[in-house]
Amino acid sequence: MLAEFAEEETGERTEIFGDAAQRLCRYRKSGVHSGKPFTGAGTKSIHFLRMPEGWRMTALFWDDDR
């Protein structure tokens, strides 16, 4: 069971290419999993397309630091 989960961005870069965009960000996280506290950090890559209704997320990748 996961409890008390928190995550926040610690750095970011967003690039827009016409109707496509990519956001690369660093994050840190903490919480309690199966009764044991944990912390961690990693990188996310989020991809977007601009549609008539606005920006829509098309893909999300993340990799926790080892």
PDB file of N, CA and C in Angstrom:
ATOM      1  N   MET A   1       0.845  -1.175   0.000  1.00  0.00           N
ATOM      2  CA  MET A   1       0.000   0.000   0.000  1.00  0.00           C
ATOM      3  C   MET A   1       0.897   1.247   0.000  1.00  0.00           C
ATOM      4  N   LEU A   2       0.491   2.238  -0.767  1.00  0.00           N
ATOM      5  CA  LEU A   2       1.229   3.502  -0.863  1.00  0.00           C
ATOM      6  C   LEU A   2       0.475   4.575  -0.088  1.00  0.00           C
ATOM      7  N   ALA A   3       1.176   5.313   0.758  1.00  0.00           N
ATOM      8  CA  ALA A   3       0.558   6.377   1.559  1.00  0.00           C
ATOM      9  C   ALA A   3       1.501   7.574   1.629  1.00  0.00           C
ATOM     10  N   GLU A   4       0.934   8.718   1.942  1.00  0.00           N
ATOM     11  CA  GLU A   4       1.693   9.949   2.167  1.00  0.00           C
ATOM     12  C   GLU A   4       2.631  10.272   1.004  1.00  0.00           C
ATOM     13  N   PHE A   5       2.216   9.966  -0.227  1.00  0.00           N
ATOM     14  CA  PHE A   5       3.068  10.181  -1.390  1.00  0.00           C
ATOM     15  C   PHE A   5       3.109  11.658  -1.755  1.00  0.00           C
ATOM     16  N   ALA A   6       4.295  12.145  -2.061  1.00  0.00           N
ATOM     17  CA  ALA A   6       4.485  13.529  -2.531  1.00  0.00           C
ATOM     18  C   ALA A   6       5.559  13.520  -3.606  1.00  0.00           C
ATOM     19  N   GLU A   7       5.368  14.378  -4.603  1.00  0.00           N
ATOM     20  CA  GLU A   7       6.351  14.500  -5.671  1.00  0.00           C
ATOM     21  C   GLU A   7       6.409  15.957  -6.088  1.00  0.00           C
ATOM     22  N   GLU A   8       7.611  16.451  -6.386  1.00  0.00           N
ATOM     23  CA  GLU A   8       7.746  17.830  -6.851  1.00  0.00           C
ATOM     24  C   GLU A   8       8.854  17.944  -7.882  1.00  0.00           C
ATOM     25  N   GLU A   9       8.656  18.878  -8.812  1.00  0.00           N
ATOM     26  CA  GLU A   9       9.675  19.170  -9.805  1.00  0.00           C
ATOM     27  C   GLU A   9      10.823  19.926  -9.157  1.00  0.00           C
ATOM     28  N   THR A  10      12.045  19.569  -9.557  1.00  0.00           N
ATOM     29  CA  THR A  10      13.212  20.280  -9.038  1.00  0.00           C
ATOM     30  C   THR A  10      13.958  21.011 -10.151  1.00  0.00           C
ATOM     31  N   GLY A  11      13.559  20.779 -11.392  1.00  0.00           N
ATOM     32  CA  GLY A  11      14.146  21.470 -12.533  1.00  0.00           C
ATOM     33  C   GLY A  11      13.369  21.099 -13.782  1.00  0.00           C
ATOM     34  N   GLU A  12      13.360  21.984 -14.778  1.00  0.00           N
ATOM     35  CA  GLU A  12      12.584  21.689 -15.977  1.00  0.00           C
ATOM     36  C   GLU A  12      13.104  22.451 -17.184  1.00  0.00           C
ATOM     37  N   ARG A  13      12.766  21.924 -18.354  1.00  0.00           N
ATOM     38  CA  ARG A  13      13.022  22.595 -19.618  1.00  0.00           C
ATOM     39  C   ARG A  13      11.891  22.199 -20.559  1.00  0.00           C
ATOM     40  N   THR A  14      11.213  23.188 -21.145  1.00  0.00           N
ATOM     41  CA  THR A  14      10.130  22.931 -22.089  1.00  0.00           C
ATOM     42  C   THR A  14      10.511  23.512 -23.439  1.00  0.00           C
ATOM     43  N   GLU A  15      10.362  22.696 -24.480  1.00  0.00           N
ATOM     44  CA  GLU A  15      10.649  23.133 -25.842  1.00  0.00           C
ATOM     45  C   GLU A  15       9.389  22.954 -26.678  1.00  0.00           C
ATOM     46  N   ILE A  16       9.044  23.994 -27.451  1.00  0.00           N
ATOM     47  CA  ILE A  16       7.863  23.950 -28.312  1.00  0.00           C
ATOM     48  C   ILE A  16       8.319  24.027 -29.756  1.00  0.00           C
ATOM     49  N   PHE A  17       7.802  23.115 -30.573  1.00  0.00           N
ATOM     50  CA  PHE A  17       8.121  23.045 -31.996  1.00  0.00           C
ATOM     51  C   PHE A  17       6.797  23.089 -32.752  1.00  0.00           C
ATOM     52  N   GLY A  18       6.312  24.281 -33.086  1.00  0.00           N
ATOM     53  CA  GLY A  18       5.016  24.390 -33.759  1.00  0.00           C
ATOM     54  C   GLY A  18       3.901  23.887 -32.854  1.00  0.00           C
ATOM     55  N   ASP A  19       3.252  22.793 -33.272  1.00  0.00           N
ATOM     56  CA  ASP A  19       2.144  22.232 -32.494  1.00  0.00           C
ATOM     57  C   ASP A  19       2.558  21.036 -31.640  1.00  0.00           C
ATOM     58  N   ALA A  20       3.867  20.844 -31.470  1.00  0.00           N
ATOM     59  CA  ALA A  20       4.374  19.764 -30.619  1.00  0.00           C
ATOM     60  C   ALA A  20       5.259  20.383 -29.536  1.00  0.00           C
ATOM     61  N   ALA A  21       5.268  19.755 -28.364  1.00  0.00           N
ATOM     62  CA  ALA A  21       6.099  20.252 -27.265  1.00  0.00           C
ATOM     63  C   ALA A  21       6.622  19.078 -26.458  1.00  0.00           C
ATOM     64  N   GLN A  22       7.764  19.300 -25.819  1.00  0.00           N
ATOM     65  CA  GLN A  22       8.348  18.319 -24.917  1.00  0.00           C
ATOM     66  C   GLN A  22       8.793  19.023 -23.653  1.00  0.00           C
ATOM     67  N   ARG A  23       8.483  18.426 -22.520  1.00  0.00           N
ATOM     68  CA  ARG A  23       8.939  18.952 -21.230  1.00  0.00           C
ATOM     69  C   ARG A  23       9.815  17.884 -20.589  1.00  0.00           C
ATOM     70  N   LEU A  24      11.051  18.226 -20.315  1.00  0.00           N
ATOM     71  CA  LEU A  24      11.962  17.371 -19.559  1.00  0.00           C
ATOM     72  C   LEU A  24      12.047  17.940 -18.158  1.00  0.00           C
ATOM     73  N   CYS A  25      11.899  17.104 -17.162  1.00  0.00           N
ATOM     74  CA  CYS A  25      11.981  17.630 -15.798  1.00  0.00           C
ATOM     75  C   CYS A  25      12.624  16.612 -14.865  1.00  0.00           C
ATOM     76  N   ARG A  26      13.238  17.149 -13.839  1.00  0.00           N
ATOM     77  CA  ARG A  26      13.754  16.369 -12.728  1.00  0.00           C
ATOM     78  C   ARG A  26      12.726  16.450 -11.616  1.00  0.00           C
ATOM     79  N   TYR A  27      12.608  15.384 -10.845  1.00  0.00           N
ATOM     80  CA  TYR A  27      11.661  15.369  -9.738  1.00  0.00           C
ATOM     81  C   TYR A  27      12.274  14.653  -8.541  1.00  0.00           C
ATOM     82  N   ARG A  28      11.682  14.928  -7.401  1.00  0.00           N
ATOM     83  CA  ARG A  28      12.000  14.148  -6.205  1.00  0.00           C
ATOM     84  C   ARG A  28      10.670  13.691  -5.615  1.00  0.00           C
ATOM     85  N   LYS A  29      10.713  12.583  -4.901  1.00  0.00           N
ATOM     86  CA  LYS A  29       9.497  12.002  -4.351  1.00  0.00           C
ATOM     87  C   LYS A  29       9.773  11.408  -2.986  1.00  0.00           C
ATOM     88  N   SER A  30       8.682  11.234  -2.232  1.00  0.00           N
ATOM     89  CA  SER A  30       8.781  10.590  -0.924  1.00  0.00           C
ATOM     90  C   SER A  30       7.420  10.009  -0.583  1.00  0.00           C
ATOM     91  N   GLY A  31       7.413   9.100   0.346  1.00  0.00           N
ATOM     92  CA  GLY A  31       6.166   8.489   0.774  1.00  0.00           C
ATOM     93  C   GLY A  31       6.429   7.307   1.671  1.00  0.00           C
ATOM     94  N   VAL A  32       5.384   6.516   1.871  1.00  0.00           N
ATOM     95  CA  VAL A  32       5.463   5.300   2.676  1.00  0.00           C
ATOM     96  C   VAL A  32       4.876   4.175   1.826  1.00  0.00           C
ATOM     97  N   HIS A  33       5.664   3.123   1.606  1.00  0.00           N
ATOM     98  CA  HIS A  33       5.199   1.977   0.822  1.00  0.00           C
ATOM     99  C   HIS A  33       5.275   0.726   1.687  1.00  0.00           C
ATOM    100  N   SER A  34       4.146   0.083   1.869  1.00  0.00           N
ATOM    101  CA  SER A  34       4.066  -1.118   2.713  1.00  0.00           C
ATOM    102  C   SER A  34       4.648  -0.869   4.095  1.00  0.00           C
ATOM    103  N   GLY A  35       4.373   0.329   4.639  1.00  0.00           N
ATOM    104  CA  GLY A  35       4.808   0.669   5.988  1.00  0.00           C
ATOM    105  C   GLY A  35       6.233   1.180   6.101  1.00  0.00           C
ATOM    106  N   LYS A  36       6.973   1.242   4.985  1.00  0.00           N
ATOM    107  CA  LYS A  36       8.368   1.690   5.039  1.00  0.00           C
ATOM    108  C   LYS A  36       8.530   3.016   4.307  1.00  0.00           C
ATOM    109  N   PRO A  37       9.112   4.034   4.960  1.00  0.00           N
ATOM    110  CA  PRO A  37       9.351   5.317   4.296  1.00  0.00           C
ATOM    111  C   PRO A  37      10.353   5.159   3.150  1.00  0.00           C
ATOM    112  N   PHE A  38      10.180   5.965   2.106  1.00  0.00           N
ATOM    113  CA  PHE A  38      11.117   5.960   0.996  1.00  0.00           C
ATOM    114  C   PHE A  38      11.268   7.363   0.429  1.00  0.00           C
ATOM    115  N   THR A  39      12.376   7.596  -0.238  1.00  0.00           N
ATOM    116  CA  THR A  39      12.609   8.824  -0.989  1.00  0.00           C
ATOM    117  C   THR A  39      13.247   8.420  -2.312  1.00  0.00           C
ATOM    118  N   GLY A  40      13.208   9.323  -3.269  1.00  0.00           N
ATOM    119  CA  GLY A  40      13.826   9.044  -4.554  1.00  0.00           C
ATOM    120  C   GLY A  40      13.803  10.275  -5.434  1.00  0.00           C
ATOM    121  N   ALA A  41      14.368  10.131  -6.613  1.00  0.00           N
ATOM    122  CA  ALA A  41      14.405  11.209  -7.595  1.00  0.00           C
ATOM    123  C   ALA A  41      14.494  10.571  -8.964  1.00  0.00           C
ATOM    124  N   GLY A  42      14.272  11.379 -10.009  1.00  0.00           N
ATOM    125  CA  GLY A  42      14.359  10.843 -11.353  1.00  0.00           C
ATOM    126  C   GLY A  42      14.116  11.909 -12.404  1.00  0.00           C
ATOM    127  N   THR A  43      13.869  11.442 -13.619  1.00  0.00           N
ATOM    128  CA  THR A  43      13.661  12.307 -14.770  1.00  0.00           C
ATOM    129  C   THR A  43      12.383  11.898 -15.485  1.00  0.00           C
ATOM    130  N   LYS A  44      11.625  12.903 -15.956  1.00  0.00           N
ATOM    131  CA  LYS A  44      10.422  12.664 -16.755  1.00  0.00           C
ATOM    132  C   LYS A  44      10.556  13.357 -18.098  1.00  0.00           C
ATOM    133  N   SER A  45       9.958  12.746 -19.117  1.00  0.00           N
ATOM    134  CA  SER A  45       9.829  13.350 -20.433  1.00  0.00           C
ATOM    135  C   SER A  45       8.346  13.305 -20.781  1.00  0.00           C
ATOM    136  N   ILE A  46       7.740  14.464 -20.974  1.00  0.00           N
ATOM    137  CA  ILE A  46       6.304  14.547 -21.254  1.00  0.00           C
ATOM    138  C   ILE A  46       6.127  15.192 -22.620  1.00  0.00           C
ATOM    139  N   HIS A  47       5.328  14.559 -23.482  1.00  0.00           N
ATOM    140  CA  HIS A  47       5.129  15.037 -24.841  1.00  0.00           C
ATOM    141  C   HIS A  47       3.686  15.513 -25.017  1.00  0.00           C
ATOM    142  N   PHE A  48       3.518  16.608 -25.777  1.00  0.00           N
ATOM    143  CA  PHE A  48       2.208  17.224 -25.978  1.00  0.00           C
ATOM    144  C   PHE A  48       1.986  17.552 -27.451  1.00  0.00           C
ATOM    145  N   LEU A  49       0.715  17.587 -27.857  1.00  0.00           N
ATOM    146  CA  LEU A  49       0.302  18.108 -29.164  1.00  0.00           C
ATOM    147  C   LEU A  49      -0.738  19.188 -28.945  1.00  0.00           C
ATOM    148  N   ARG A  50      -0.643  20.263 -29.730  1.00  0.00           N
ATOM    149  CA  ARG A  50      -1.645  21.320 -29.653  1.00  0.00           C
ATOM    150  C   ARG A  50      -2.811  20.923 -30.557  1.00  0.00           C
ATOM    151  N   MET A  51      -3.989  20.811 -29.969  1.00  0.00           N
ATOM    152  CA  MET A  51      -5.206  20.449 -30.679  1.00  0.00           C
ATOM    153  C   MET A  51      -6.118  21.672 -30.718  1.00  0.00           C
ATOM    154  N   PRO A  52      -7.195  21.644 -31.498  1.00  0.00           N
ATOM    155  CA  PRO A  52      -8.112  22.785 -31.502  1.00  0.00           C
ATOM    156  C   PRO A  52      -8.639  23.141 -30.102  1.00  0.00           C
ATOM    157  N   GLU A  53      -8.764  22.130 -29.210  1.00  0.00           N
ATOM    158  CA  GLU A  53      -9.264  22.387 -27.846  1.00  0.00           C
ATOM    159  C   GLU A  53      -8.165  22.806 -26.878  1.00  0.00           C
ATOM    160  N   GLY A  54      -6.906  22.776 -27.318  1.00  0.00           N
ATOM    161  CA  GLY A  54      -5.783  23.137 -26.449  1.00  0.00           C
ATOM    162  C   GLY A  54      -4.735  22.036 -26.436  1.00  0.00           C
ATOM    163  N   TRP A  55      -3.752  22.160 -25.559  1.00  0.00           N
ATOM    164  CA  TRP A  55      -2.665  21.191 -25.469  1.00  0.00           C
ATOM    165  C   TRP A  55      -3.163  19.883 -24.854  1.00  0.00           C
ATOM    166  N   ARG A  56      -2.730  18.756 -25.450  1.00  0.00           N
ATOM    167  CA  ARG A  56      -3.087  17.429 -24.953  1.00  0.00           C
ATOM    168  C   ARG A  56      -1.821  16.600 -24.797  1.00  0.00           C
ATOM    169  N   MET A  57      -1.708  15.899 -23.668  1.00  0.00           N
ATOM    170  CA  MET A  57      -0.559  15.038 -23.420  1.00  0.00           C
ATOM    171  C   MET A  57      -0.665  13.802 -24.312  1.00  0.00           C
ATOM    172  N   THR A  58       0.427  13.447 -24.975  1.00  0.00           N
ATOM    173  CA  THR A  58       0.426  12.268 -25.839  1.00  0.00           C
ATOM    174  C   THR A  58       1.305  11.143 -25.308  1.00  0.00           C
ATOM    175  N   ALA A  59       2.276  11.477 -24.478  1.00  0.00           N
ATOM    176  CA  ALA A  59       3.159  10.440 -23.931  1.00  0.00           C
ATOM    177  C   ALA A  59       3.829  10.950 -22.664  1.00  0.00           C
ATOM    178  N   LEU A  60       4.109  10.013 -21.776  1.00  0.00           N
ATOM    179  CA  LEU A  60       4.816  10.322 -20.531  1.00  0.00           C
ATOM    180  C   LEU A  60       5.772   9.170 -20.254  1.00  0.00           C
ATOM    181  N   PHE A  61       7.051   9.503 -20.074  1.00  0.00           N
ATOM    182  CA  PHE A  61       8.070   8.524 -19.729  1.00  0.00           C
ATOM    183  C   PHE A  61       8.756   9.008 -18.455  1.00  0.00           C
ATOM    184  N   TRP A  62       9.114   8.088 -17.588  1.00  0.00           N
ATOM    185  CA  TRP A  62       9.896   8.488 -16.423  1.00  0.00           C
ATOM    186  C   TRP A  62      10.897   7.396 -16.076  1.00  0.00           C
ATOM    187  N   ASP A  63      11.953   7.810 -15.428  1.00  0.00           N
ATOM    188  CA  ASP A  63      12.999   6.876 -15.023  1.00  0.00           C
ATOM    189  C   ASP A  63      13.515   7.314 -13.664  1.00  0.00           C
ATOM    190  N   ASP A  64      13.285   6.489 -12.661  1.00  0.00           N
ATOM    191  CA  ASP A  64      13.815   6.793 -11.332  1.00  0.00           C
ATOM    192  C   ASP A  64      15.325   6.597 -11.338  1.00  0.00           C
ATOM    193  N   ASP A  65      16.031   7.471 -10.633  1.00  0.00           N
ATOM    194  CA  ASP A  65      17.477   7.309 -10.470  1.00  0.00           C
ATOM    195  C   ASP A  65      17.735   5.977  -9.759  1.00  0.00           C
ATOM    196  N   ARG A  66      18.825   5.372 -10.117  1.00  0.00           N
ATOM    197  CA  ARG A  66      19.174   4.099  -9.491  1.00  0.00           C
ATOM    198  C   ARG A  66      20.069   4.310  -8.307  1.00  0.00           C
TER     199      ARG A  66
END
